[in-house]
Structures are given as C-alpha cells and as structure tokens.
Amino acid sequence: GEYDDILEWPFQGEITVELLNQLEDKNHYKRVIPFNDKTSDKCKCRKEKEDTNGWGHHKFIPHTDLGLNSSTNTQYLMNDILYFRVSVKVHSKTKPWLL
C-alpha cells in the first residue's frame, strides 16, 4: 500500500482474525497468526509486485460450524453474511511508535 515505505520489513508481529458470533458479543471464532523468526521470510517480506500465491490457514473453520449451535449460542453465518474482525499487533525493533 501507499504507506508500506514507513513500515518495518520483514514484518514481525501477529495477525488476529476473528469470525464474529452474530448472536452475542462473545464466543467469536479466533485464530492468531504469528509472524516471528520461525515464519518463512517469503511470508513476511514486502510484496514488490502482484503475487497470486496465497499463504495462511486453508481451513479456518469447517462449514458445518457456521450455522446455529444452541449449546454454545453461536451462529457465524446469518442471512448469507459473515463478519470478520482483523487486528494487527506489530513487534517493531526500530520503530517504537508502531507498537
């Protein structure tokens, strides 16, 4: 993006992806994706050109878990709509204002 020049590369931190429960504000389906020393550099570096190769969780949630579950009071898919919340936590060594 237009602000990529001010970011620290390779990216260090974590991305949190939550699929929101549409019945109440709890029991969201959550995955934390760490970007650390164990993560391949090709996944943390700034993209210089269009890249069609994906990376991430291929099986985020089973389709069978999207509908109503009365025992946990969750329903992620309602009226053909899913809501996601994505958070980014940066671990910067040289730019403390990004934290």
PDB file of N, CA and C in Angstrom:
ATOM      1  N   GLY A   1       0.801  -1.182   0.000  1.00  0.00           N
ATOM      2  CA  GLY A   1       0.000   0.000   0.000  1.00  0.00           C
ATOM      3  C   GLY A   1       0.853   1.258   0.000  1.00  0.00           C
ATOM      4  N   GLU A   2       0.211   2.380   0.028  1.00  0.00           N
ATOM      5  CA  GLU A   2       0.939   3.647  -0.078  1.00  0.00           C
ATOM      6  C   GLU A   2       1.810   3.949   1.141  1.00  0.00           C
ATOM      7  N   TYR A   3       1.554   3.324   2.290  1.00  0.00           N
ATOM      8  CA  TYR A   3       2.345   3.580   3.494  1.00  0.00           C
ATOM      9  C   TYR A   3       3.368   2.471   3.784  1.00  0.00           C
ATOM     10  N   ASP A   4       3.547   1.539   2.867  1.00  0.00           N
ATOM     11  CA  ASP A   4       4.479   0.431   3.089  1.00  0.00           C
ATOM     12  C   ASP A   4       5.906   0.900   3.327  1.00  0.00           C
ATOM     13  N   ASP A   5       6.292   2.035   2.768  1.00  0.00           N
ATOM     14  CA  ASP A   5       7.663   2.527   2.935  1.00  0.00           C
ATOM     15  C   ASP A   5       8.005   2.856   4.384  1.00  0.00           C
ATOM     16  N   ILE A   6       7.005   3.220   5.200  1.00  0.00           N
ATOM     17  CA  ILE A   6       7.300   3.592   6.584  1.00  0.00           C
ATOM     18  C   ILE A   6       7.249   2.392   7.535  1.00  0.00           C
ATOM     19  N   LEU A   7       6.818   1.243   7.030  1.00  0.00           N
ATOM     20  CA  LEU A   7       6.750   0.045   7.866  1.00  0.00           C
ATOM     21  C   LEU A   7       8.097  -0.647   7.940  1.00  0.00           C
ATOM     22  N   GLU A   8       8.252  -1.481   8.934  1.00  0.00           N
ATOM     23  CA  GLU A   8       9.492  -2.238   9.113  1.00  0.00           C
ATOM     24  C   GLU A   8       9.340  -3.601   8.426  1.00  0.00           C
ATOM     25  N   TRP A   9      10.295  -3.920   7.568  1.00  0.00           N
ATOM     26  CA  TRP A   9      10.270  -5.200   6.854  1.00  0.00           C
ATOM     27  C   TRP A   9      11.515  -5.993   7.183  1.00  0.00           C
ATOM     28  N   PRO A  10      11.472  -7.286   7.315  1.00  0.00           N
ATOM     29  CA  PRO A  10      10.280  -8.133   7.221  1.00  0.00           C
ATOM     30  C   PRO A  10       9.358  -7.921   8.429  1.00  0.00           C
ATOM     31  N   PHE A  11       8.072  -8.139   8.211  1.00  0.00           N
ATOM     32  CA  PHE A  11       7.055  -7.922   9.234  1.00  0.00           C
ATOM     33  C   PHE A  11       7.273  -8.877  10.411  1.00  0.00           C
ATOM     34  N   GLN A  12       7.209  -8.333  11.611  1.00  0.00           N
ATOM     35  CA  GLN A  12       7.265  -9.114  12.849  1.00  0.00           C
ATOM     36  C   GLN A  12       6.049  -8.729  13.683  1.00  0.00           C
ATOM     37  N   GLY A  13       5.293  -9.702  14.098  1.00  0.00           N
ATOM     38  CA  GLY A  13       4.119  -9.428  14.919  1.00  0.00           C
ATOM     39  C   GLY A  13       3.119 -10.545  14.804  1.00  0.00           C
ATOM     40  N   GLU A  14       1.849 -10.192  14.969  1.00  0.00           N
ATOM     41  CA  GLU A  14       0.813 -11.205  14.835  1.00  0.00           C
ATOM     42  C   GLU A  14      -0.453 -10.588  14.272  1.00  0.00           C
ATOM     43  N   ILE A  15      -1.145 -11.397  13.514  1.00  0.00           N
ATOM     44  CA  ILE A  15      -2.432 -11.018  12.934  1.00  0.00           C
ATOM     45  C   ILE A  15      -3.490 -11.874  13.626  1.00  0.00           C
ATOM     46  N   THR A  16      -4.526 -11.241  14.128  1.00  0.00           N
ATOM     47  CA  THR A  16      -5.636 -11.963  14.740  1.00  0.00           C
ATOM     48  C   THR A  16      -6.848 -11.824  13.832  1.00  0.00           C
ATOM     49  N   VAL A  17      -7.408 -12.956  13.441  1.00  0.00           N
ATOM     50  CA  VAL A  17      -8.604 -12.979  12.594  1.00  0.00           C
ATOM     51  C   VAL A  17      -9.725 -13.596  13.420  1.00  0.00           C
ATOM     52  N   GLU A  18     -10.817 -12.855  13.558  1.00  0.00           N
ATOM     53  CA  GLU A  18     -11.966 -13.346  14.309  1.00  0.00           C
ATOM     54  C   GLU A  18     -13.189 -13.381  13.405  1.00  0.00           C
ATOM     55  N   LEU A  19     -13.873 -14.507  13.417  1.00  0.00           N
ATOM     56  CA  LEU A  19     -15.174 -14.636  12.771  1.00  0.00           C
ATOM     57  C   LEU A  19     -16.192 -14.368  13.867  1.00  0.00           C
ATOM     58  N   LEU A  20     -17.007 -13.328  13.682  1.00  0.00           N
ATOM     59  CA  LEU A  20     -17.850 -12.849  14.778  1.00  0.00           C
ATOM     60  C   LEU A  20     -19.137 -13.650  14.909  1.00  0.00           C
ATOM     61  N   ASN A  21     -19.442 -13.987  16.159  1.00  0.00           N
ATOM     62  CA  ASN A  21     -20.696 -14.639  16.505  1.00  0.00           C
ATOM     63  C   ASN A  21     -21.800 -13.589  16.374  1.00  0.00           C
ATOM     64  N   GLN A  22     -22.818 -13.874  15.574  1.00  0.00           N
ATOM     65  CA  GLN A  22     -23.857 -12.885  15.315  1.00  0.00           C
ATOM     66  C   GLN A  22     -24.996 -12.924  16.334  1.00  0.00           C
ATOM     67  N   LEU A  23     -24.918 -13.823  17.315  1.00  0.00           N
ATOM     68  CA  LEU A  23     -25.968 -13.893  18.325  1.00  0.00           C
ATOM     69  C   LEU A  23     -25.654 -13.071  19.563  1.00  0.00           C
ATOM     70  N   GLU A  24     -24.378 -12.988  19.920  1.00  0.00           N
ATOM     71  CA  GLU A  24     -23.968 -12.199  21.083  1.00  0.00           C
ATOM     72  C   GLU A  24     -22.489 -11.865  20.949  1.00  0.00           C
ATOM     73  N   ASP A  25     -22.042 -10.887  21.724  1.00  0.00           N
ATOM     74  CA  ASP A  25     -20.659 -10.428  21.603  1.00  0.00           C
ATOM     75  C   ASP A  25     -19.715 -11.269  22.464  1.00  0.00           C
ATOM     76  N   LYS A  26     -19.699 -12.567  22.219  1.00  0.00           N
ATOM     77  CA  LYS A  26     -18.738 -13.490  22.823  1.00  0.00           C
ATOM     78  C   LYS A  26     -18.747 -14.774  22.008  1.00  0.00           C
ATOM     79  N   ASN A  27     -17.826 -15.658  22.312  1.00  0.00           N
ATOM     80  CA  ASN A  27     -17.671 -16.918  21.582  1.00  0.00           C
ATOM     81  C   ASN A  27     -17.372 -16.704  20.105  1.00  0.00           C
ATOM     82  N   HIS A  28     -16.569 -15.678  19.810  1.00  0.00           N
ATOM     83  CA  HIS A  28     -16.128 -15.470  18.435  1.00  0.00           C
ATOM     84  C   HIS A  28     -15.103 -16.551  18.087  1.00  0.00           C
ATOM     85  N   TYR A  29     -15.041 -16.927  16.818  1.00  0.00           N
ATOM     86  CA  TYR A  29     -14.079 -17.932  16.367  1.00  0.00           C
ATOM     87  C   TYR A  29     -12.799 -17.201  16.010  1.00  0.00           C
ATOM     88  N   LYS A  30     -11.700 -17.524  16.684  1.00  0.00           N
ATOM     89  CA  LYS A  30     -10.493 -16.700  16.619  1.00  0.00           C
ATOM     90  C   LYS A  30      -9.273 -17.528  16.248  1.00  0.00           C
ATOM     91  N   ARG A  31      -8.442 -16.963  15.367  1.00  0.00           N
ATOM     92  CA  ARG A  31      -7.147 -17.548  15.012  1.00  0.00           C
ATOM     93  C   ARG A  31      -6.094 -16.452  15.096  1.00  0.00           C
ATOM     94  N   VAL A  32      -4.969 -16.769  15.723  1.00  0.00           N
ATOM     95  CA  VAL A  32      -3.841 -15.843  15.791  1.00  0.00           C
ATOM     96  C   VAL A  32      -2.741 -16.408  14.901  1.00  0.00           C
ATOM     97  N   ILE A  33      -2.281 -15.589  13.967  1.00  0.00           N
ATOM     98  CA  ILE A  33      -1.237 -15.995  13.027  1.00  0.00           C
ATOM     99  C   ILE A  33       0.037 -15.248  13.403  1.00  0.00           C
ATOM    100  N   PRO A  34       1.021 -15.963  13.969  1.00  0.00           N
ATOM    101  CA  PRO A  34       2.263 -15.295  14.363  1.00  0.00           C
ATOM    102  C   PRO A  34       3.214 -15.127  13.175  1.00  0.00           C
ATOM    103  N   PHE A  35       3.867 -14.003  13.133  1.00  0.00           N
ATOM    104  CA  PHE A  35       4.939 -13.745  12.165  1.00  0.00           C
ATOM    105  C   PHE A  35       6.186 -13.479  13.002  1.00  0.00           C
ATOM    106  N   ASN A  36       7.023 -14.520  13.146  1.00  0.00           N
ATOM    107  CA  ASN A  36       8.204 -14.419  14.006  1.00  0.00           C
ATOM    108  C   ASN A  36       9.388 -15.070  13.299  1.00  0.00           C
ATOM    109  N   ASP A  37      10.415 -15.388  14.049  1.00  0.00           N
ATOM    110  CA  ASP A  37      11.623 -15.972  13.455  1.00  0.00           C
ATOM    111  C   ASP A  37      11.375 -17.345  12.838  1.00  0.00           C
ATOM    112  N   LYS A  38      10.334 -18.041  13.260  1.00  0.00           N
ATOM    113  CA  LYS A  38      10.008 -19.356  12.702  1.00  0.00           C
ATOM    114  C   LYS A  38       9.228 -19.268  11.399  1.00  0.00           C
ATOM    115  N   THR A  39       8.677 -18.095  11.103  1.00  0.00           N
ATOM    116  CA  THR A  39       7.880 -17.898   9.891  1.00  0.00           C
ATOM    117  C   THR A  39       8.800 -17.670   8.703  1.00  0.00           C
ATOM    118  N   SER A  40       8.479 -18.306   7.594  1.00  0.00           N
ATOM    119  CA  SER A  40       9.278 -18.158   6.379  1.00  0.00           C
ATOM    120  C   SER A  40       9.369 -16.685   5.964  1.00  0.00           C
ATOM    121  N   ASP A  41      10.568 -16.255   5.532  1.00  0.00           N
ATOM    122  CA  ASP A  41      10.757 -14.862   5.107  1.00  0.00           C
ATOM    123  C   ASP A  41       9.848 -14.483   3.948  1.00  0.00           C
ATOM    124  N   LYS A  42       9.526 -15.429   3.076  1.00  0.00           N
ATOM    125  CA  LYS A  42       8.678 -15.089   1.929  1.00  0.00           C
ATOM    126  C   LYS A  42       7.276 -14.671   2.365  1.00  0.00           C
ATOM    127  N   CYS A  43       6.884 -15.035   3.588  1.00  0.00           N
ATOM    128  CA  CYS A  43       5.574 -14.651   4.112  1.00  0.00           C
ATOM    129  C   CYS A  43       5.605 -13.323   4.854  1.00  0.00           C
ATOM    130  N   LYS A  44       6.798 -12.821   5.185  1.00  0.00           N
ATOM    131  CA  LYS A  44       6.919 -11.605   5.999  1.00  0.00           C
ATOM    132  C   LYS A  44       7.437 -10.403   5.222  1.00  0.00           C
ATOM    133  N   CYS A  45       7.891 -10.612   4.006  1.00  0.00           N
ATOM    134  CA  CYS A  45       8.516  -9.535   3.248  1.00  0.00           C
ATOM    135  C   CYS A  45       7.496  -8.710   2.480  1.00  0.00           C
ATOM    136  N   ARG A  46       7.875  -7.497   2.202  1.00  0.00           N
ATOM    137  CA  ARG A  46       7.039  -6.598   1.413  1.00  0.00           C
ATOM    138  C   ARG A  46       6.925  -7.139  -0.008  1.00  0.00           C
ATOM    139  N   LYS A  47       5.714  -7.129  -0.519  1.00  0.00           N
ATOM    140  CA  LYS A  47       5.478  -7.587  -1.889  1.00  0.00           C
ATOM    141  C   LYS A  47       5.853  -6.473  -2.853  1.00  0.00           C
ATOM    142  N   GLU A  48       6.704  -6.796  -3.800  1.00  0.00           N
ATOM    143  CA  GLU A  48       7.153  -5.801  -4.774  1.00  0.00           C
ATOM    144  C   GLU A  48       6.288  -5.788  -6.028  1.00  0.00           C
ATOM    145  N   LYS A  49       5.577  -6.890  -6.271  1.00  0.00           N
ATOM    146  CA  LYS A  49       4.714  -6.977  -7.455  1.00  0.00           C
ATOM    147  C   LYS A  49       3.518  -7.840  -7.104  1.00  0.00           C
ATOM    148  N   GLU A  50       2.549  -7.914  -8.008  1.00  0.00           N
ATOM    149  CA  GLU A  50       1.380  -8.752  -7.793  1.00  0.00           C
ATOM    150  C   GLU A  50       1.813 -10.190  -7.590  1.00  0.00           C
ATOM    151  N   ASP A  51       1.335 -10.792  -6.549  1.00  0.00           N
ATOM    152  CA  ASP A  51       1.664 -12.168  -6.236  1.00  0.00           C
ATOM    153  C   ASP A  51       0.355 -12.927  -6.067  1.00  0.00           C
ATOM    154  N   THR A  52       0.174 -13.975  -6.843  1.00  0.00           N
ATOM    155  CA  THR A  52      -1.073 -14.721  -6.766  1.00  0.00           C
ATOM    156  C   THR A  52      -0.966 -15.945  -5.862  1.00  0.00           C
ATOM    157  N   ASN A  53       0.208 -16.165  -5.283  1.00  0.00           N
ATOM    158  CA  ASN A  53       0.369 -17.301  -4.375  1.00  0.00           C
ATOM    159  C   ASN A  53      -0.130 -16.910  -2.990  1.00  0.00           C
ATOM    160  N   GLY A  54      -1.069 -17.672  -2.477  1.00  0.00           N
ATOM    161  CA  GLY A  54      -1.623 -17.381  -1.162  1.00  0.00           C
ATOM    162  C   GLY A  54      -0.822 -18.026  -0.053  1.00  0.00           C
ATOM    163  N   TRP A  55      -1.069 -17.561   1.161  1.00  0.00           N
ATOM    164  CA  TRP A  55      -0.433 -18.116   2.347  1.00  0.00           C
ATOM    165  C   TRP A  55      -1.377 -17.898   3.508  1.00  0.00           C
ATOM    166  N   GLY A  56      -1.510 -18.879   4.352  1.00  0.00           N
ATOM    167  CA  GLY A  56      -2.357 -18.703   5.523  1.00  0.00           C
ATOM    168  C   GLY A  56      -3.021 -19.994   5.935  1.00  0.00           C
ATOM    169  N   HIS A  57      -4.169 -19.871   6.583  1.00  0.00           N
ATOM    170  CA  HIS A  57      -4.929 -21.031   7.044  1.00  0.00           C
ATOM    171  C   HIS A  57      -5.890 -21.459   5.949  1.00  0.00           C
ATOM    172  N   HIS A  58      -5.662 -22.647   5.416  1.00  0.00           N
ATOM    173  CA  HIS A  58      -6.532 -23.136   4.341  1.00  0.00           C
ATOM    174  C   HIS A  58      -7.872 -23.617   4.890  1.00  0.00           C
ATOM    175  N   LYS A  59      -7.891 -24.011   6.136  1.00  0.00           N
ATOM    176  CA  LYS A  59      -9.123 -24.489   6.773  1.00  0.00           C
ATOM    177  C   LYS A  59      -9.356 -23.671   8.030  1.00  0.00           C
ATOM    178  N   PHE A  60      -9.881 -22.485   7.869  1.00  0.00           N
ATOM    179  CA  PHE A  60     -10.094 -21.581   9.005  1.00  0.00           C
ATOM    180  C   PHE A  60     -11.146 -22.142   9.950  1.00  0.00           C
ATOM    181  N   ILE A  61     -12.307 -22.540   9.394  1.00  0.00           N
ATOM    182  CA  ILE A  61     -13.403 -23.100  10.196  1.00  0.00           C
ATOM    183  C   ILE A  61     -14.180 -24.057   9.291  1.00  0.00           C
ATOM    184  N   PRO A  62     -14.593 -25.193   9.809  1.00  0.00           N
ATOM    185  CA  PRO A  62     -15.417 -26.097   8.990  1.00  0.00           C
ATOM    186  C   PRO A  62     -16.774 -25.467   8.672  1.00  0.00           C
ATOM    187  N   HIS A  63     -17.272 -25.686   7.493  1.00  0.00           N
ATOM    188  CA  HIS A  63     -18.581 -25.130   7.100  1.00  0.00           C
ATOM    189  C   HIS A  63     -19.683 -25.583   8.047  1.00  0.00           C
ATOM    190  N   THR A  64     -19.553 -26.777   8.596  1.00  0.00           N
ATOM    191  CA  THR A  64     -20.586 -27.293   9.497  1.00  0.00           C
ATOM    192  C   THR A  64     -20.672 -26.500  10.795  1.00  0.00           C
ATOM    193  N   ASP A  65     -19.643 -25.740  11.132  1.00  0.00           N
ATOM    194  CA  ASP A  65     -19.648 -24.938  12.366  1.00  0.00           C
ATOM    195  C   ASP A  65     -20.200 -23.525  12.172  1.00  0.00           C
ATOM    196  N   LEU A  66     -20.577 -23.167  10.953  1.00  0.00           N
ATOM    197  CA  LEU A  66     -21.020 -21.798  10.680  1.00  0.00           C
ATOM    198  C   LEU A  66     -22.453 -21.526  11.129  1.00  0.00           C
ATOM    199  N   GLY A  67     -23.309 -22.535  11.112  1.00  0.00           N
ATOM    200  CA  GLY A  67     -24.723 -22.354  11.441  1.00  0.00           C
ATOM    201  C   GLY A  67     -24.970 -22.281  12.934  1.00  0.00           C
ATOM    202  N   LEU A  68     -26.245 -22.303  13.293  1.00  0.00           N
ATOM    203  CA  LEU A  68     -26.671 -22.183  14.686  1.00  0.00           C
ATOM    204  C   LEU A  68     -26.219 -23.385  15.506  1.00  0.00           C
ATOM    205  N   ASN A  69     -25.587 -23.096  16.642  1.00  0.00           N
ATOM    206  CA  ASN A  69     -25.237 -24.115  17.619  1.00  0.00           C
ATOM    207  C   ASN A  69     -25.844 -23.669  18.942  1.00  0.00           C
ATOM    208  N   SER A  70     -26.991 -24.278  19.299  1.00  0.00           N
ATOM    209  CA  SER A  70     -27.699 -23.824  20.505  1.00  0.00           C
ATOM    210  C   SER A  70     -26.947 -24.118  21.796  1.00  0.00           C
ATOM    211  N   SER A  71     -26.092 -25.144  21.808  1.00  0.00           N
ATOM    212  CA  SER A  71     -25.386 -25.457  23.047  1.00  0.00           C
ATOM    213  C   SER A  71     -24.325 -24.410  23.387  1.00  0.00           C
ATOM    214  N   THR A  72     -23.749 -23.752  22.379  1.00  0.00           N
ATOM    215  CA  THR A  72     -22.759 -22.695  22.640  1.00  0.00           C
ATOM    216  C   THR A  72     -23.311 -21.304  22.332  1.00  0.00           C
ATOM    217  N   ASN A  73     -24.551 -21.240  21.889  1.00  0.00           N
ATOM    218  CA  ASN A  73     -25.204 -19.985  21.486  1.00  0.00           C
ATOM    219  C   ASN A  73     -24.356 -19.215  20.465  1.00  0.00           C
ATOM    220  N   THR A  74     -23.940 -19.927  19.428  1.00  0.00           N
ATOM    221  CA  THR A  74     -23.160 -19.299  18.356  1.00  0.00           C
ATOM    222  C   THR A  74     -23.845 -19.497  17.013  1.00  0.00           C
ATOM    223  N   GLN A  75     -23.699 -18.493  16.175  1.00  0.00           N
ATOM    224  CA  GLN A  75     -24.115 -18.563  14.780  1.00  0.00           C
ATOM    225  C   GLN A  75     -23.268 -17.543  14.030  1.00  0.00           C
ATOM    226  N   TYR A  76     -22.357 -18.047  13.213  1.00  0.00           N
ATOM    227  CA  TYR A  76     -21.425 -17.186  12.494  1.00  0.00           C
ATOM    228  C   TYR A  76     -21.983 -16.745  11.148  1.00  0.00           C
ATOM    229  N   LEU A  77     -22.749 -17.622  10.517  1.00  0.00           N
ATOM    230  CA  LEU A  77     -23.364 -17.311   9.222  1.00  0.00           C
ATOM    231  C   LEU A  77     -24.843 -17.050   9.442  1.00  0.00           C
ATOM    232  N   MET A  78     -25.278 -15.839   9.073  1.00  0.00           N
ATOM    233  CA  MET A  78     -26.688 -15.492   9.222  1.00  0.00           C
ATOM    234  C   MET A  78     -27.100 -14.656   8.010  1.00  0.00           C
ATOM    235  N   ASN A  79     -28.168 -15.057   7.364  1.00  0.00           N
ATOM    236  CA  ASN A  79     -28.657 -14.362   6.161  1.00  0.00           C
ATOM    237  C   ASN A  79     -27.561 -14.253   5.098  1.00  0.00           C
ATOM    238  N   ASP A  80     -26.782 -15.329   4.934  1.00  0.00           N
ATOM    239  CA  ASP A  80     -25.687 -15.393   3.951  1.00  0.00           C
ATOM    240  C   ASP A  80     -24.589 -14.356   4.202  1.00  0.00           C
ATOM    241  N   ILE A  81     -24.413 -13.922   5.449  1.00  0.00           N
ATOM    242  CA  ILE A  81     -23.418 -12.900   5.776  1.00  0.00           C
ATOM    243  C   ILE A  81     -22.489 -13.413   6.878  1.00  0.00           C
ATOM    244  N   LEU A  82     -21.187 -13.180   6.689  1.00  0.00           N
ATOM    245  CA  LEU A  82     -20.168 -13.440   7.706  1.00  0.00           C
ATOM    246  C   LEU A  82     -19.518 -12.102   8.060  1.00  0.00           C
ATOM    247  N   TYR A  83     -19.208 -11.890   9.327  1.00  0.00           N
ATOM    248  CA  TYR A  83     -18.495 -10.684   9.756  1.00  0.00           C
ATOM    249  C   TYR A  83     -17.151 -11.096  10.351  1.00  0.00           C
ATOM    250  N   PHE A  84     -16.095 -10.415   9.914  1.00  0.00           N
ATOM    251  CA  PHE A  84     -14.746 -10.670  10.404  1.00  0.00           C
ATOM    252  C   PHE A  84     -14.187  -9.419  11.071  1.00  0.00           C
ATOM    253  N   ARG A  85     -13.349  -9.630  12.073  1.00  0.00           N
ATOM    254  CA  ARG A  85     -12.571  -8.553  12.679  1.00  0.00           C
ATOM    255  C   ARG A  85     -11.106  -8.974  12.573  1.00  0.00           C
ATOM    256  N   VAL A  86     -10.279  -8.103  12.020  1.00  0.00           N
ATOM    257  CA  VAL A  86      -8.859  -8.397  11.839  1.00  0.00           C
ATOM    258  C   VAL A  86      -8.053  -7.362  12.616  1.00  0.00           C
ATOM    259  N   SER A  87      -7.138  -7.841  13.458  1.00  0.00           N
ATOM    260  CA  SER A  87      -6.280  -6.965  14.257  1.00  0.00           C
ATOM    261  C   SER A  87      -4.828  -7.278  13.945  1.00  0.00           C
ATOM    262  N   VAL A  88      -4.009  -6.239  13.952  1.00  0.00           N
ATOM    263  CA  VAL A  88      -2.579  -6.401  13.690  1.00  0.00           C
ATOM    264  C   VAL A  88      -1.813  -5.866  14.890  1.00  0.00           C
ATOM    265  N   LYS A  89      -0.915  -6.686  15.407  1.00  0.00           N
ATOM    266  CA  LYS A  89      -0.037  -6.279  16.501  1.00  0.00           C
ATOM    267  C   LYS A  89       1.388  -6.338  15.966  1.00  0.00           C
ATOM    268  N   VAL A  90       2.059  -5.205  15.964  1.00  0.00           N
ATOM    269  CA  VAL A  90       3.404  -5.098  15.405  1.00  0.00           C
ATOM    270  C   VAL A  90       4.435  -5.235  16.514  1.00  0.00           C
ATOM    271  N   HIS A  91       5.473  -6.012  16.243  1.00  0.00           N
ATOM    272  CA  HIS A  91       6.621  -6.102  17.158  1.00  0.00           C
ATOM    273  C   HIS A  91       7.786  -5.425  16.446  1.00  0.00           C
ATOM    274  N   SER A  92       7.944  -4.138  16.648  1.00  0.00           N
ATOM    275  CA  SER A  92       8.972  -3.379  15.953  1.00  0.00           C
ATOM    276  C   SER A  92      10.199  -3.194  16.828  1.00  0.00           C
ATOM    277  N   LYS A  93      11.362  -3.426  16.244  1.00  0.00           N
ATOM    278  CA  LYS A  93      12.614  -3.245  16.982  1.00  0.00           C
ATOM    279  C   LYS A  93      13.204  -1.857  16.759  1.00  0.00           C
ATOM    280  N   THR A  94      12.858  -1.220  15.648  1.00  0.00           N
ATOM    281  CA  THR A  94      13.480   0.060  15.328  1.00  0.00           C
ATOM    282  C   THR A  94      12.486   1.230  15.279  1.00  0.00           C
ATOM    283  N   LYS A  95      11.164   0.927  15.291  1.00  0.00           N
ATOM    284  CA  LYS A  95      10.154   1.993  15.209  1.00  0.00           C
ATOM    285  C   LYS A  95       9.139   1.813  16.326  1.00  0.00           C
ATOM    286  N   PRO A  96       9.475   2.256  17.545  1.00  0.00           N
ATOM    287  CA  PRO A  96       8.594   2.022  18.694  1.00  0.00           C
ATOM    288  C   PRO A  96       7.220   2.668  18.562  1.00  0.00           C
ATOM    289  N   TRP A  97       7.051   3.673  17.731  1.00  0.00           N
ATOM    290  CA  TRP A  97       5.749   4.330  17.567  1.00  0.00           C
ATOM    291  C   TRP A  97       4.757   3.423  16.847  1.00  0.00           C
ATOM    292  N   LEU A  98       5.220   2.321  16.227  1.00  0.00           N
ATOM    293  CA  LEU A  98       4.314   1.388  15.569  1.00  0.00           C
ATOM    294  C   LEU A  98       3.657   0.432  16.557  1.00  0.00           C
ATOM    295  N   LEU A  99       4.144   0.378  17.783  1.00  0.00           N
ATOM    296  CA  LEU A  99       3.624  -0.579  18.765  1.00  0.00           C
ATOM    297  C   LEU A  99       2.281  -0.189  19.283  1.00  0.00           C
TER     298      LEU A  99
END
